[in-house]
Amino acid sequence: FTISRDNAKNTVFLQMSSLKPEDTAIYYCAARRAGQGTIQSR
């Protein structure tokens, strides 16, 4: 998977390749404030 963005359109993409059955799920996009949690919060 690769995450990327289009700054002009305020759009974030998730390119998903080599998909496996275990990738089956509902996928959610989310936003957090800078500084909330650690910089690499999971």
PDB file of all heavy atoms in Angstrom:
ATOM      1  N   PHE A   1       0.844  -1.189   0.000  1.00  0.00           N
ATOM      2  CA  PHE A   1       0.000   0.000   0.000  1.00  0.00           C
ATOM      3  C   PHE A   1       0.879   1.238   0.000  1.00  0.00           C
ATOM      4  O   PHE A   1       1.953   1.254   0.613  1.00  0.00           O
ATOM      5  CB  PHE A   1      -0.896   0.047   1.239  1.00  0.00           C
ATOM      6  CG  PHE A   1      -1.972  -0.997   1.299  1.00  0.00           C
ATOM      7  CD1 PHE A   1      -2.023  -2.047   0.392  1.00  0.00           C
ATOM      8  CD2 PHE A   1      -2.942  -0.918   2.282  1.00  0.00           C
ATOM      9  CE1 PHE A   1      -3.018  -3.011   0.464  1.00  0.00           C
ATOM     10  CE2 PHE A   1      -3.944  -1.866   2.366  1.00  0.00           C
ATOM     11  CZ  PHE A   1      -3.985  -2.911   1.464  1.00  0.00           C
ATOM     12  N   THR A   2       0.407   2.280  -0.659  1.00  0.00           N
ATOM     13  CA  THR A   2       1.117   3.545  -0.691  1.00  0.00           C
ATOM     14  C   THR A   2       0.137   4.684  -0.453  1.00  0.00           C
ATOM     15  O   THR A   2      -0.887   4.774  -1.129  1.00  0.00           O
ATOM     16  CB  THR A   2       1.832   3.761  -2.032  1.00  0.00           C
ATOM     17  OG1 THR A   2       2.757   2.692  -2.271  1.00  0.00           O
ATOM     18  CG2 THR A   2       2.601   5.077  -2.019  1.00  0.00           C
ATOM     19  N   ILE A   3       0.459   5.543   0.487  1.00  0.00           N
ATOM     20  CA  ILE A   3      -0.364   6.709   0.749  1.00  0.00           C
ATOM     21  C   ILE A   3       0.264   7.907   0.038  1.00  0.00           C
ATOM     22  O   ILE A   3       1.488   8.063   0.019  1.00  0.00           O
ATOM     23  CB  ILE A   3      -0.525   6.948   2.263  1.00  0.00           C
ATOM     24  CG1 ILE A   3      -1.626   7.968   2.548  1.00  0.00           C
ATOM     25  CG2 ILE A   3       0.787   7.377   2.906  1.00  0.00           C
ATOM     26  CD1 ILE A   3      -2.021   8.032   4.019  1.00  0.00           C
ATOM     27  N   SER A   4      -0.573   8.740  -0.557  1.00  0.00           N
ATOM     28  CA  SER A   4      -0.103   9.922  -1.257  1.00  0.00           C
ATOM     29  C   SER A   4      -1.164  11.011  -1.156  1.00  0.00           C
ATOM     30  O   SER A   4      -2.244  10.785  -0.609  1.00  0.00           O
ATOM     31  CB  SER A   4       0.226   9.609  -2.722  1.00  0.00           C
ATOM     32  OG  SER A   4      -0.928   9.166  -3.410  1.00  0.00           O
ATOM     33  N   ARG A   5      -0.866  12.174  -1.688  1.00  0.00           N
ATOM     34  CA  ARG A   5      -1.805  13.283  -1.558  1.00  0.00           C
ATOM     35  C   ARG A   5      -1.749  14.209  -2.751  1.00  0.00           C
ATOM     36  O   ARG A   5      -0.754  14.272  -3.480  1.00  0.00           O
ATOM     37  CB  ARG A   5      -1.509  14.072  -0.284  1.00  0.00           C
ATOM     38  CG  ARG A   5      -0.181  14.821  -0.329  1.00  0.00           C
ATOM     39  CD  ARG A   5       0.208  15.337   1.022  1.00  0.00           C
ATOM     40  NE  ARG A   5       1.404  16.174   0.962  1.00  0.00           N
ATOM     41  CZ  ARG A   5       2.218  16.394   1.968  1.00  0.00           C
ATOM     42  NH1 ARG A   5       1.971  15.832   3.148  1.00  0.00           N
ATOM     43  NH2 ARG A   5       3.279  17.170   1.819  1.00  0.00           N
ATOM     44  N   ASP A   6      -2.841  14.934  -2.946  1.00  0.00           N
ATOM     45  CA  ASP A   6      -2.940  16.007  -3.912  1.00  0.00           C
ATOM     46  C   ASP A   6      -3.222  17.259  -3.092  1.00  0.00           C
ATOM     47  O   ASP A   6      -4.347  17.475  -2.639  1.00  0.00           O
ATOM     48  CB  ASP A   6      -4.047  15.738  -4.925  1.00  0.00           C
ATOM     49  CG  ASP A   6      -4.153  16.808  -5.988  1.00  0.00           C
ATOM     50  OD1 ASP A   6      -3.756  17.957  -5.745  1.00  0.00           O
ATOM     51  OD2 ASP A   6      -4.654  16.492  -7.081  1.00  0.00           O
ATOM     52  N   ASN A   7      -2.204  18.063  -2.880  1.00  0.00           N
ATOM     53  CA  ASN A   7      -2.346  19.221  -2.010  1.00  0.00           C
ATOM     54  C   ASN A   7      -3.391  20.214  -2.517  1.00  0.00           C
ATOM     55  O   ASN A   7      -4.152  20.776  -1.728  1.00  0.00           O
ATOM     56  CB  ASN A   7      -0.999  19.933  -1.860  1.00  0.00           C
ATOM     57  CG  ASN A   7      -0.009  19.156  -1.028  1.00  0.00           C
ATOM     58  OD1 ASN A   7      -0.383  18.345  -0.186  1.00  0.00           O
ATOM     59  ND2 ASN A   7       1.274  19.410  -1.249  1.00  0.00           N
ATOM     60  N   ALA A   8      -3.432  20.414  -3.827  1.00  0.00           N
ATOM     61  CA  ALA A   8      -4.349  21.393  -4.392  1.00  0.00           C
ATOM     62  C   ALA A   8      -5.800  21.017  -4.138  1.00  0.00           C
ATOM     63  O   ALA A   8      -6.656  21.895  -3.991  1.00  0.00           O
ATOM     64  CB  ALA A   8      -4.096  21.562  -5.884  1.00  0.00           C
ATOM     65  N   LYS A   9      -6.088  19.737  -4.096  1.00  0.00           N
ATOM     66  CA  LYS A   9      -7.455  19.263  -3.905  1.00  0.00           C
ATOM     67  C   LYS A   9      -7.725  18.767  -2.493  1.00  0.00           C
ATOM     68  O   LYS A   9      -8.814  18.258  -2.221  1.00  0.00           O
ATOM     69  CB  LYS A   9      -7.771  18.161  -4.911  1.00  0.00           C
ATOM     70  CG  LYS A   9      -7.745  18.630  -6.351  1.00  0.00           C
ATOM     71  CD  LYS A   9      -8.184  17.524  -7.291  1.00  0.00           C
ATOM     72  CE  LYS A   9      -8.176  18.011  -8.730  1.00  0.00           C
ATOM     73  NZ  LYS A   9      -9.168  19.108  -8.947  1.00  0.00           N
ATOM     74  N   ASN A  10      -6.747  18.900  -1.609  1.00  0.00           N
ATOM     75  CA  ASN A  10      -6.886  18.410  -0.235  1.00  0.00           C
ATOM     76  C   ASN A  10      -7.395  16.970  -0.211  1.00  0.00           C
ATOM     77  O   ASN A  10      -8.319  16.628   0.533  1.00  0.00           O
ATOM     78  CB  ASN A  10      -7.811  19.315   0.575  1.00  0.00           C
ATOM     79  CG  ASN A  10      -7.167  20.634   0.943  1.00  0.00           C
ATOM     80  OD1 ASN A  10      -5.948  20.775   0.945  1.00  0.00           O
ATOM     81  ND2 ASN A  10      -7.997  21.620   1.280  1.00  0.00           N
ATOM     82  N   THR A  11      -6.769  16.150  -1.008  1.00  0.00           N
ATOM     83  CA  THR A  11      -7.181  14.761  -1.147  1.00  0.00           C
ATOM     84  C   THR A  11      -6.015  13.840  -0.840  1.00  0.00           C
ATOM     85  O   THR A  11      -4.890  14.066  -1.300  1.00  0.00           O
ATOM     86  CB  THR A  11      -7.708  14.480  -2.560  1.00  0.00           C
ATOM     87  OG1 THR A  11      -8.847  15.312  -2.811  1.00  0.00           O
ATOM     88  CG2 THR A  11      -8.120  13.029  -2.710  1.00  0.00           C
ATOM     89  N   VAL A  12      -6.294  12.809  -0.067  1.00  0.00           N
ATOM     90  CA  VAL A  12      -5.315  11.782   0.262  1.00  0.00           C
ATOM     91  C   VAL A  12      -5.747  10.485  -0.399  1.00  0.00           C
ATOM     92  O   VAL A  12      -6.930  10.137  -0.386  1.00  0.00           O
ATOM     93  CB  VAL A  12      -5.179  11.608   1.780  1.00  0.00           C
ATOM     94  CG1 VAL A  12      -4.240  10.449   2.108  1.00  0.00           C
ATOM     95  CG2 VAL A  12      -4.668  12.888   2.416  1.00  0.00           C
ATOM     96  N   PHE A  13      -4.786   9.768  -0.958  1.00  0.00           N
ATOM     97  CA  PHE A  13      -5.057   8.521  -1.654  1.00  0.00           C
ATOM     98  C   PHE A  13      -4.390   7.360  -0.929  1.00  0.00           C
ATOM     99  O   PHE A  13      -3.341   7.519  -0.310  1.00  0.00           O
ATOM    100  CB  PHE A  13      -4.531   8.566  -3.092  1.00  0.00           C
ATOM    101  CG  PHE A  13      -5.055   9.713  -3.888  1.00  0.00           C
ATOM    102  CD1 PHE A  13      -4.307  10.871  -4.046  1.00  0.00           C
ATOM    103  CD2 PHE A  13      -6.300   9.642  -4.488  1.00  0.00           C
ATOM    104  CE1 PHE A  13      -4.783  11.935  -4.790  1.00  0.00           C
ATOM    105  CE2 PHE A  13      -6.792  10.703  -5.233  1.00  0.00           C
ATOM    106  CZ  PHE A  13      -6.032  11.850  -5.383  1.00  0.00           C
ATOM    107  N   LEU A  14      -5.007   6.211  -1.036  1.00  0.00           N
ATOM    108  CA  LEU A  14      -4.394   4.973  -0.594  1.00  0.00           C
ATOM    109  C   LEU A  14      -4.385   4.019  -1.776  1.00  0.00           C
ATOM    110  O   LEU A  14      -5.433   3.477  -2.149  1.00  0.00           O
ATOM    111  CB  LEU A  14      -5.145   4.367   0.590  1.00  0.00           C
ATOM    112  CG  LEU A  14      -4.498   3.118   1.197  1.00  0.00           C
ATOM    113  CD1 LEU A  14      -3.178   3.486   1.879  1.00  0.00           C
ATOM    114  CD2 LEU A  14      -5.432   2.437   2.182  1.00  0.00           C
ATOM    115  N   GLN A  15      -3.218   3.852  -2.370  1.00  0.00           N
ATOM    116  CA  GLN A  15      -3.059   2.912  -3.469  1.00  0.00           C
ATOM    117  C   GLN A  15      -2.802   1.534  -2.887  1.00  0.00           C
ATOM    118  O   GLN A  15      -1.817   1.334  -2.176  1.00  0.00           O
ATOM    119  CB  GLN A  15      -1.907   3.338  -4.377  1.00  0.00           C
ATOM    120  CG  GLN A  15      -1.646   2.394  -5.536  1.00  0.00           C
ATOM    121  CD  GLN A  15      -2.790   2.355  -6.522  1.00  0.00           C
ATOM    122  OE1 GLN A  15      -3.279   3.398  -6.943  1.00  0.00           O
ATOM    123  NE2 GLN A  15      -3.234   1.158  -6.875  1.00  0.00           N
ATOM    124  N   MET A  16      -3.677   0.606  -3.185  1.00  0.00           N
ATOM    125  CA  MET A  16      -3.634  -0.729  -2.623  1.00  0.00           C
ATOM    126  C   MET A  16      -3.329  -1.716  -3.746  1.00  0.00           C
ATOM    127  O   MET A  16      -4.104  -1.838  -4.695  1.00  0.00           O
ATOM    128  CB  MET A  16      -4.961  -1.073  -1.959  1.00  0.00           C
ATOM    129  CG  MET A  16      -5.457  -0.001  -0.994  1.00  0.00           C
ATOM    130  SD  MET A  16      -7.200  -0.209  -0.539  1.00  0.00           S
ATOM    131  CE  MET A  16      -7.115  -1.733   0.388  1.00  0.00           C
ATOM    132  N   SER A  17      -2.220  -2.409  -3.628  1.00  0.00           N
ATOM    133  CA  SER A  17      -1.788  -3.363  -4.639  1.00  0.00           C
ATOM    134  C   SER A  17      -1.541  -4.721  -4.002  1.00  0.00           C
ATOM    135  O   SER A  17      -1.416  -4.839  -2.784  1.00  0.00           O
ATOM    136  CB  SER A  17      -0.514  -2.874  -5.332  1.00  0.00           C
ATOM    137  OG  SER A  17      -0.709  -1.623  -5.952  1.00  0.00           O
ATOM    138  N   SER A  18      -1.459  -5.740  -4.852  1.00  0.00           N
ATOM    139  CA  SER A  18      -1.235  -7.110  -4.386  1.00  0.00           C
ATOM    140  C   SER A  18      -2.191  -7.471  -3.268  1.00  0.00           C
ATOM    141  O   SER A  18      -1.804  -8.016  -2.231  1.00  0.00           O
ATOM    142  CB  SER A  18       0.221  -7.287  -3.940  1.00  0.00           C
ATOM    143  OG  SER A  18       1.113  -7.020  -4.998  1.00  0.00           O
ATOM    144  N   LEU A  19      -3.450  -7.190  -3.483  1.00  0.00           N
ATOM    145  CA  LEU A  19      -4.447  -7.361  -2.440  1.00  0.00           C
ATOM    146  C   LEU A  19      -4.650  -8.833  -2.096  1.00  0.00           C
ATOM    147  O   LEU A  19      -4.596  -9.706  -2.965  1.00  0.00           O
ATOM    148  CB  LEU A  19      -5.763  -6.730  -2.854  1.00  0.00           C
ATOM    149  CG  LEU A  19      -5.775  -5.198  -2.765  1.00  0.00           C
ATOM    150  CD1 LEU A  19      -6.922  -4.623  -3.572  1.00  0.00           C
ATOM    151  CD2 LEU A  19      -5.873  -4.760  -1.301  1.00  0.00           C
ATOM    152  N   LYS A  20      -4.889  -9.069  -0.828  1.00  0.00           N
ATOM    153  CA  LYS A  20      -5.098 -10.404  -0.283  1.00  0.00           C
ATOM    154  C   LYS A  20      -6.478 -10.484   0.355  1.00  0.00           C
ATOM    155  O   LYS A  20      -7.034  -9.467   0.760  1.00  0.00           O
ATOM    156  CB  LYS A  20      -4.036 -10.714   0.778  1.00  0.00           C
ATOM    157  CG  LYS A  20      -2.598 -10.509   0.331  1.00  0.00           C
ATOM    158  CD  LYS A  20      -1.648 -10.683   1.503  1.00  0.00           C
ATOM    159  CE  LYS A  20      -0.213 -10.460   1.088  1.00  0.00           C
ATOM    160  NZ  LYS A  20       0.719 -10.595   2.243  1.00  0.00           N
ATOM    161  N   PRO A  21      -7.036 -11.686   0.486  1.00  0.00           N
ATOM    162  CA  PRO A  21      -8.334 -11.807   1.158  1.00  0.00           C
ATOM    163  C   PRO A  21      -8.344 -11.195   2.558  1.00  0.00           C
ATOM    164  O   PRO A  21      -9.365 -10.640   2.972  1.00  0.00           O
ATOM    165  CB  PRO A  21      -8.553 -13.320   1.215  1.00  0.00           C
ATOM    166  CG  PRO A  21      -7.824 -13.833   0.020  1.00  0.00           C
ATOM    167  CD  PRO A  21      -6.601 -12.964  -0.100  1.00  0.00           C
ATOM    168  N   GLU A  22      -7.239 -11.258   3.264  1.00  0.00           N
ATOM    169  CA  GLU A  22      -7.185 -10.688   4.602  1.00  0.00           C
ATOM    170  C   GLU A  22      -7.216  -9.165   4.610  1.00  0.00           C
ATOM    171  O   GLU A  22      -7.325  -8.561   5.678  1.00  0.00           O
ATOM    172  CB  GLU A  22      -5.950 -11.189   5.366  1.00  0.00           C
ATOM    173  CG  GLU A  22      -4.650 -11.039   4.599  1.00  0.00           C
ATOM    174  CD  GLU A  22      -4.235 -12.314   3.886  1.00  0.00           C
ATOM    175  OE1 GLU A  22      -5.098 -12.949   3.256  1.00  0.00           O
ATOM    176  OE2 GLU A  22      -3.039 -12.677   3.962  1.00  0.00           O
ATOM    177  N   ASP A  23      -7.126  -8.537   3.441  1.00  0.00           N
ATOM    178  CA  ASP A  23      -7.308  -7.092   3.339  1.00  0.00           C
ATOM    179  C   ASP A  23      -8.773  -6.692   3.310  1.00  0.00           C
ATOM    180  O   ASP A  23      -9.083  -5.498   3.357  1.00  0.00           O
ATOM    181  CB  ASP A  23      -6.615  -6.550   2.087  1.00  0.00           C
ATOM    182  CG  ASP A  23      -5.110  -6.709   2.122  1.00  0.00           C
ATOM    183  OD1 ASP A  23      -4.506  -6.492   3.192  1.00  0.00           O
ATOM    184  OD2 ASP A  23      -4.526  -7.049   1.071  1.00  0.00           O
ATOM    185  N   THR A  24      -9.663  -7.652   3.208  1.00  0.00           N
ATOM    186  CA  THR A  24     -11.094  -7.366   3.167  1.00  0.00           C
ATOM    187  C   THR A  24     -11.531  -6.693   4.460  1.00  0.00           C
ATOM    188  O   THR A  24     -11.310  -7.213   5.551  1.00  0.00           O
ATOM    189  CB  THR A  24     -11.890  -8.652   2.945  1.00  0.00           C
ATOM    190  OG1 THR A  24     -11.588  -9.183   1.653  1.00  0.00           O
ATOM    191  CG2 THR A  24     -13.384  -8.386   3.035  1.00  0.00           C
ATOM    192  N   ALA A  25     -12.147  -5.529   4.324  1.00  0.00           N
ATOM    193  CA  ALA A  25     -12.567  -4.753   5.485  1.00  0.00           C
ATOM    194  C   ALA A  25     -13.278  -3.501   5.008  1.00  0.00           C
ATOM    195  O   ALA A  25     -13.269  -3.170   3.822  1.00  0.00           O
ATOM    196  CB  ALA A  25     -11.365  -4.360   6.351  1.00  0.00           C
ATOM    197  N   ILE A  26     -13.882  -2.808   5.944  1.00  0.00           N
ATOM    198  CA  ILE A  26     -14.323  -1.452   5.691  1.00  0.00           C
ATOM    199  C   ILE A  26     -13.143  -0.535   5.984  1.00  0.00           C
ATOM    200  O   ILE A  26     -12.548  -0.611   7.063  1.00  0.00           O
ATOM    201  CB  ILE A  26     -15.528  -1.063   6.566  1.00  0.00           C
ATOM    202  CG1 ILE A  26     -16.699  -1.995   6.291  1.00  0.00           C
ATOM    203  CG2 ILE A  26     -15.932   0.380   6.307  1.00  0.00           C
ATOM    204  CD1 ILE A  26     -17.895  -1.775   7.214  1.00  0.00           C
ATOM    205  N   TYR A  27     -12.818   0.303   5.035  1.00  0.00           N
ATOM    206  CA  TYR A  27     -11.699   1.228   5.170  1.00  0.00           C
ATOM    207  C   TYR A  27     -12.210   2.617   5.485  1.00  0.00           C
ATOM    208  O   TYR A  27     -13.127   3.118   4.828  1.00  0.00           O
ATOM    209  CB  TYR A  27     -10.861   1.238   3.893  1.00  0.00           C
ATOM    210  CG  TYR A  27      -9.981   0.021   3.764  1.00  0.00           C
ATOM    211  CD1 TYR A  27     -10.525  -1.229   3.505  1.00  0.00           C
ATOM    212  CD2 TYR A  27      -8.592   0.123   3.920  1.00  0.00           C
ATOM    213  CE1 TYR A  27      -9.720  -2.353   3.413  1.00  0.00           C
ATOM    214  CE2 TYR A  27      -7.786  -0.991   3.818  1.00  0.00           C
ATOM    215  CZ  TYR A  27      -8.357  -2.225   3.563  1.00  0.00           C
ATOM    216  OH  TYR A  27      -7.553  -3.338   3.468  1.00  0.00           O
ATOM    217  N   TYR A  28     -11.599   3.238   6.474  1.00  0.00           N
ATOM    218  CA  TYR A  28     -12.007   4.552   6.936  1.00  0.00           C
ATOM    219  C   TYR A  28     -10.868   5.548   6.788  1.00  0.00           C
ATOM    220  O   TYR A  28      -9.718   5.240   7.119  1.00  0.00           O
ATOM    221  CB  TYR A  28     -12.413   4.516   8.408  1.00  0.00           C
ATOM    222  CG  TYR A  28     -13.602   3.647   8.715  1.00  0.00           C
ATOM    223  CD1 TYR A  28     -13.444   2.311   9.042  1.00  0.00           C
ATOM    224  CD2 TYR A  28     -14.886   4.177   8.686  1.00  0.00           C
ATOM    225  CE1 TYR A  28     -14.535   1.514   9.333  1.00  0.00           C
ATOM    226  CE2 TYR A  28     -15.986   3.388   8.977  1.00  0.00           C
ATOM    227  CZ  TYR A  28     -15.798   2.055   9.301  1.00  0.00           C
ATOM    228  OH  TYR A  28     -16.887   1.270   9.595  1.00  0.00           O
ATOM    229  N   CYS A  29     -11.189   6.712   6.336  1.00  0.00           N
ATOM    230  CA  CYS A  29     -10.288   7.844   6.351  1.00  0.00           C
ATOM    231  C   CYS A  29     -10.548   8.640   7.623  1.00  0.00           C
ATOM    232  O   CYS A  29     -11.695   8.782   8.050  1.00  0.00           O
ATOM    233  CB  CYS A  29     -10.528   8.712   5.117  1.00  0.00           C
ATOM    234  SG  CYS A  29      -9.562  10.225   5.035  1.00  0.00           S
ATOM    235  N   ALA A  30      -9.499   9.146   8.232  1.00  0.00           N
ATOM    236  CA  ALA A  30      -9.646   9.894   9.473  1.00  0.00           C
ATOM    237  C   ALA A  30      -8.639  11.030   9.531  1.00  0.00           C
ATOM    238  O   ALA A  30      -7.599  10.990   8.875  1.00  0.00           O
ATOM    239  CB  ALA A  30      -9.456   8.962  10.679  1.00  0.00           C
ATOM    240  N   ALA A  31      -8.956  12.036  10.329  1.00  0.00           N
ATOM    241  CA  ALA A  31      -8.085  13.191  10.494  1.00  0.00           C
ATOM    242  C   ALA A  31      -7.840  13.449  11.970  1.00  0.00           C
ATOM    243  O   ALA A  31      -8.741  13.296  12.800  1.00  0.00           O
ATOM    244  CB  ALA A  31      -8.695  14.427   9.840  1.00  0.00           C
ATOM    245  N   ARG A  32      -6.624  13.824  12.285  1.00  0.00           N
ATOM    246  CA  ARG A  32      -6.290  14.205  13.653  1.00  0.00           C
ATOM    247  C   ARG A  32      -5.492  15.491  13.642  1.00  0.00           C
ATOM    248  O   ARG A  32      -4.812  15.812  12.660  1.00  0.00           O
ATOM    249  CB  ARG A  32      -5.509  13.103  14.377  1.00  0.00           C
ATOM    250  CG  ARG A  32      -4.108  12.823  13.822  1.00  0.00           C
ATOM    251  CD  ARG A  32      -3.440  11.727  14.629  1.00  0.00           C
ATOM    252  NE  ARG A  32      -2.205  11.241  14.022  1.00  0.00           N
ATOM    253  CZ  ARG A  32      -0.981  11.546  14.447  1.00  0.00           C
ATOM    254  NH1 ARG A  32      -0.804  12.341  15.496  1.00  0.00           N
ATOM    255  NH2 ARG A  32       0.081  11.041  13.841  1.00  0.00           N
ATOM    256  N   ARG A  33      -5.566  16.200  14.740  1.00  0.00           N
ATOM    257  CA  ARG A  33      -4.819  17.438  14.876  1.00  0.00           C
ATOM    258  C   ARG A  33      -3.336  17.149  15.019  1.00  0.00           C
ATOM    259  O   ARG A  33      -2.940  16.201  15.713  1.00  0.00           O
ATOM    260  CB  ARG A  33      -5.303  18.232  16.082  1.00  0.00           C
ATOM    261  CG  ARG A  33      -6.687  18.824  15.932  1.00  0.00           C
ATOM    262  CD  ARG A  33      -7.122  19.547  17.195  1.00  0.00           C
ATOM    263  NE  ARG A  33      -7.430  18.609  18.271  1.00  0.00           N
ATOM    264  CZ  ARG A  33      -6.712  18.432  19.356  1.00  0.00           C
ATOM    265  NH1 ARG A  33      -5.602  19.149  19.536  1.00  0.00           N
ATOM    266  NH2 ARG A  33      -7.092  17.567  20.276  1.00  0.00           N
ATOM    267  N   ALA A  34      -2.527  17.941  14.360  1.00  0.00           N
ATOM    268  CA  ALA A  34      -1.097  17.834  14.560  1.00  0.00           C
ATOM    269  C   ALA A  34      -0.782  18.027  16.038  1.00  0.00           C
ATOM    270  O   ALA A  34      -1.280  18.949  16.676  1.00  0.00           O
ATOM    271  CB  ALA A  34      -0.362  18.875  13.717  1.00  0.00           C
ATOM    272  N   GLY A  35       0.007  17.151  16.577  1.00  0.00           N
ATOM    273  CA  GLY A  35       0.350  17.221  17.981  1.00  0.00           C
ATOM    274  C   GLY A  35      -0.526  16.380  18.889  1.00  0.00           C
ATOM    275  O   GLY A  35      -0.213  16.226  20.073  1.00  0.00           O
ATOM    276  N   GLN A  36      -1.633  15.847  18.370  1.00  0.00           N
ATOM    277  CA  GLN A  36      -2.469  14.945  19.145  1.00  0.00           C
ATOM    278  C   GLN A  36      -1.935  13.532  18.977  1.00  0.00           C
ATOM    279  O   GLN A  36      -1.884  13.010  17.870  1.00  0.00           O
ATOM    280  CB  GLN A  36      -3.919  15.032  18.699  1.00  0.00           C
ATOM    281  CG  GLN A  36      -4.850  14.112  19.466  1.00  0.00           C
ATOM    282  CD  GLN A  36      -6.304  14.459  19.263  1.00  0.00           C
ATOM    283  OE1 GLN A  36      -6.701  15.603  19.474  1.00  0.00           O
ATOM    284  NE2 GLN A  36      -7.093  13.484  18.852  1.00  0.00           N
ATOM    285  N   GLY A  37      -1.570  12.909  20.084  1.00  0.00           N
ATOM    286  CA  GLY A  37      -0.898  11.635  20.013  1.00  0.00           C
ATOM    287  C   GLY A  37       0.541  11.814  19.557  1.00  0.00           C
ATOM    288  O   GLY A  37       1.023  12.939  19.386  1.00  0.00           O
ATOM    289  N   THR A  38       1.216  10.710  19.357  1.00  0.00           N
ATOM    290  CA  THR A  38       2.568  10.768  18.834  1.00  0.00           C
ATOM    291  C   THR A  38       2.532  11.048  17.345  1.00  0.00           C
ATOM    292  O   THR A  38       1.506  10.894  16.686  1.00  0.00           O
ATOM    293  CB  THR A  38       3.308   9.453  19.105  1.00  0.00           C
ATOM    294  OG1 THR A  38       2.649   8.392  18.413  1.00  0.00           O
ATOM    295  CG2 THR A  38       3.334   9.141  20.591  1.00  0.00           C
ATOM    296  N   ILE A  39       3.659  11.446  16.793  1.00  0.00           N
ATOM    297  CA  ILE A  39       3.680  11.818  15.391  1.00  0.00           C
ATOM    298  C   ILE A  39       3.339  10.634  14.493  1.00  0.00           C
ATOM    299  O   ILE A  39       2.762  10.815  13.412  1.00  0.00           O
ATOM    300  CB  ILE A  39       5.037  12.434  14.994  1.00  0.00           C
ATOM    301  CG1 ILE A  39       4.952  13.076  13.609  1.00  0.00           C
ATOM    302  CG2 ILE A  39       6.145  11.392  15.055  1.00  0.00           C
ATOM    303  CD1 ILE A  39       6.129  13.943  13.260  1.00  0.00           C
ATOM    304  N   GLN A  40       3.642   9.416  14.942  1.00  0.00           N
ATOM    305  CA  GLN A  40       3.293   8.216  14.186  1.00  0.00           C
ATOM    306  C   GLN A  40       2.243   7.399  14.940  1.00  0.00           C
ATOM    307  O   GLN A  40       2.354   6.180  15.078  1.00  0.00           O
ATOM    308  CB  GLN A  40       4.542   7.380  13.905  1.00  0.00           C
ATOM    309  CG  GLN A  40       5.524   8.085  12.978  1.00  0.00           C
ATOM    310  CD  GLN A  40       6.639   7.175  12.479  1.00  0.00           C
ATOM    311  OE1 GLN A  40       6.668   5.970  12.755  1.00  0.00           O
ATOM    312  NE2 GLN A  40       7.556   7.741  11.733  1.00  0.00           N
ATOM    313  N   SER A  41       1.202   8.081  15.378  1.00  0.00           N
ATOM    314  CA  SER A  41       0.126   7.420  16.091  1.00  0.00           C
ATOM    315  C   SER A  41      -0.539   6.348  15.239  1.00  0.00           C
ATOM    316  O   SER A  41      -0.752   6.528  14.036  1.00  0.00           O
ATOM    317  CB  SER A  41      -0.924   8.437  16.536  1.00  0.00           C
ATOM    318  OG  SER A  41      -2.060   7.784  17.063  1.00  0.00           O
ATOM    319  N   ARG A  42      -0.886   5.233  15.893  1.00  0.00           N
ATOM    320  CA  ARG A  42      -1.623   4.148  15.253  1.00  0.00           C
ATOM    321  C   ARG A  42      -2.949   3.886  15.959  1.00  0.00           C
ATOM    322  O   ARG A  42      -3.554   2.828  15.750  1.00  0.00           O
ATOM    323  CB  ARG A  42      -0.776   2.884  15.231  1.00  0.00           C
ATOM    324  CG  ARG A  42       0.514   3.046  14.428  1.00  0.00           C
ATOM    325  CD  ARG A  42       1.494   1.907  14.672  1.00  0.00           C
ATOM    326  NE  ARG A  42       2.715   2.120  13.902  1.00  0.00           N
ATOM    327  CZ  ARG A  42       3.000   1.530  12.752  1.00  0.00           C
ATOM    328  NH1 ARG A  42       2.153   0.648  12.228  1.00  0.00           N
ATOM    329  NH2 ARG A  42       4.129   1.805  12.125  1.00  0.00           N
TER     330      ARG A  42
END
